[in-house]
C-alpha atoms as a PDB file:
ATOM      1  CA  MET A   1       0.009   0.054   0.037  1.00  0.00           C
ATOM      2  CA  THR A   2       1.346   3.498  -0.986  1.00  0.00           C
ATOM      3  CA  ALA A   3       0.846   6.202   1.541  1.00  0.00           C
ATOM      4  CA  PRO A   4      -1.173   9.324   0.533  1.00  0.00           C
ATOM      5  CA  LYS A   5       0.825  12.388   0.322  1.00  0.00           C
ATOM      6  CA  ASN A   6      -1.646  15.198   0.768  1.00  0.00           C
ATOM      7  CA  ARG A   7      -2.857  17.704   3.216  1.00  0.00           C
ATOM      8  CA  ALA A   8      -6.422  16.204   3.446  1.00  0.00           C
ATOM      9  CA  ALA A   9      -5.028  12.827   4.757  1.00  0.00           C
ATOM     10  CA  PHE A  10      -3.070  14.647   7.387  1.00  0.00           C
ATOM     11  CA  LEU A  11      -6.000  16.711   8.575  1.00  0.00           C
ATOM     12  CA  GLU A  12      -8.097  13.502   8.634  1.00  0.00           C
ATOM     13  CA  LEU A  13      -5.464  11.463  10.603  1.00  0.00           C
ATOM     14  CA  GLU A  14      -4.297  14.224  13.022  1.00  0.00           C
ATOM     15  CA  PRO A  15      -7.219  13.953  15.397  1.00  0.00           C
ATOM     16  CA  THR A  16      -6.585  10.274  15.911  1.00  0.00           C
ATOM     17  CA  GLY A  17      -3.728  10.947  18.215  1.00  0.00           C
ATOM     18  CA  MET A  18      -1.156   9.565  15.875  1.00  0.00           C
ATOM     19  CA  ASN A  19       2.496  10.320  16.682  1.00  0.00           C
ATOM     20  CA  PRO A  20       3.686  13.402  14.628  1.00  0.00           C
ATOM     21  CA  ASP A  21       6.550  11.356  13.074  1.00  0.00           C
ATOM     22  CA  GLU A  22       3.985   8.650  11.866  1.00  0.00           C
ATOM     23  CA  LEU A  23       1.743  11.350  10.457  1.00  0.00           C
ATOM     24  CA  TRP A  24       4.755  12.894   8.507  1.00  0.00           C
ATOM     25  CA  ARG A  25       5.711   9.394   7.278  1.00  0.00           C
ATOM     26  CA  LEU A  26       2.218   8.773   5.891  1.00  0.00           C
ATOM     27  CA  THR A  27       1.399  12.156   4.510  1.00  0.00           C
ATOM     28  CA  GLY A  28       4.578  14.110   4.021  1.00  0.00           C
ATOM     29  CA  PHE A  29       3.133  16.961   6.075  1.00  0.00           C
ATOM     30  CA  ALA A  30       4.281  18.331   9.427  1.00  0.00           C
ATOM     31  CA  ARG A  31       3.036  20.955  11.715  1.00  0.00           C
ATOM     32  CA  CYS A  32       5.496  23.580  13.220  1.00  0.00           C
ATOM     33  CA  GLY A  33       5.535  23.126  17.052  1.00  0.00           C
ATOM     34  CA  ASP A  34       5.919  26.899  17.470  1.00  0.00           C
ATOM     35  CA  CYS A  35       3.252  28.508  15.179  1.00  0.00           C
ATOM     36  CA  ALA A  36       1.129  25.322  14.162  1.00  0.00           C
ATOM     37  CA  TYR A  37       1.659  26.128  10.431  1.00  0.00           C
ATOM     38  CA  LEU A  38       1.166  22.967   8.377  1.00  0.00           C
ATOM     39  CA  MET A  39       3.743  22.393   5.612  1.00  0.00           C
ATOM     40  CA  TYR A  40       4.987  19.723   3.333  1.00  0.00           C
ATOM     41  CA  THR A  41       8.527  18.591   3.942  1.00  0.00           C
ATOM     42  CA  GLU A  42      10.819  15.855   2.578  1.00  0.00           C
ATOM     43  CA  PHE A  43      12.914  15.723   5.634  1.00  0.00           C
ATOM     44  CA  LEU A  44      11.462  15.897   9.141  1.00  0.00           C
ATOM     45  CA  ALA A  45      14.738  16.984  10.811  1.00  0.00           C
ATOM     46  CA  THR A  46      14.335  20.571   9.355  1.00  0.00           C
ATOM     47  CA  LEU A  47      11.139  22.356   8.375  1.00  0.00           C
ATOM     48  CA  PRO A  48      11.154  24.687   5.296  1.00  0.00           C
ATOM     49  CA  ASP A  49      11.253  28.430   5.854  1.00  0.00           C
ATOM     50  CA  HIS A  50       7.726  29.499   6.808  1.00  0.00           C
ATOM     51  CA  ARG A  51       8.450  32.949   8.421  1.00  0.00           C
ATOM     52  CA  CYS A  52       7.577  31.473  11.736  1.00  0.00           C
ATOM     53  CA  THR A  53       9.149  34.293  13.836  1.00  0.00           C
ATOM     54  CA  GLN A  54       7.453  36.961  11.761  1.00  0.00           C
ATOM     55  CA  ARG A  55       4.081  35.223  12.235  1.00  0.00           C
ATOM     56  CA  GLN A  56       4.579  35.109  15.999  1.00  0.00           C
ATOM     57  CA  ALA A  57       5.599  38.654  16.155  1.00  0.00           C
ATOM     58  CA  ARG A  58       2.517  39.668  14.265  1.00  0.00           C
ATOM     59  CA  ARG A  59       0.333  37.717  16.619  1.00  0.00           C
ATOM     60  CA  ARG A  60       1.863  39.319  19.675  1.00  0.00           C
ATOM     61  CA  ALA A  61       1.420  42.840  18.153  1.00  0.00           C
ATOM     62  CA  ASN A  62      -2.058  42.257  17.322  1.00  0.00           C
ATOM     63  CA  PRO A  63      -3.733  40.561  20.215  1.00  0.00           C
END
């Protein structure tokens, strides 16, 4: 069985309480632990640039 590599599969499986590593292996998507942004990545060790610090600064500036 080949694993689905799409956002919908991630969103469907996320509420099941599956480990983030397992979710990434099945879907190719990971959620940033700091800002909760969902992104596709080929390597789980490093997430692609997604302006996490800028997103957090905006959130703090606009409560």
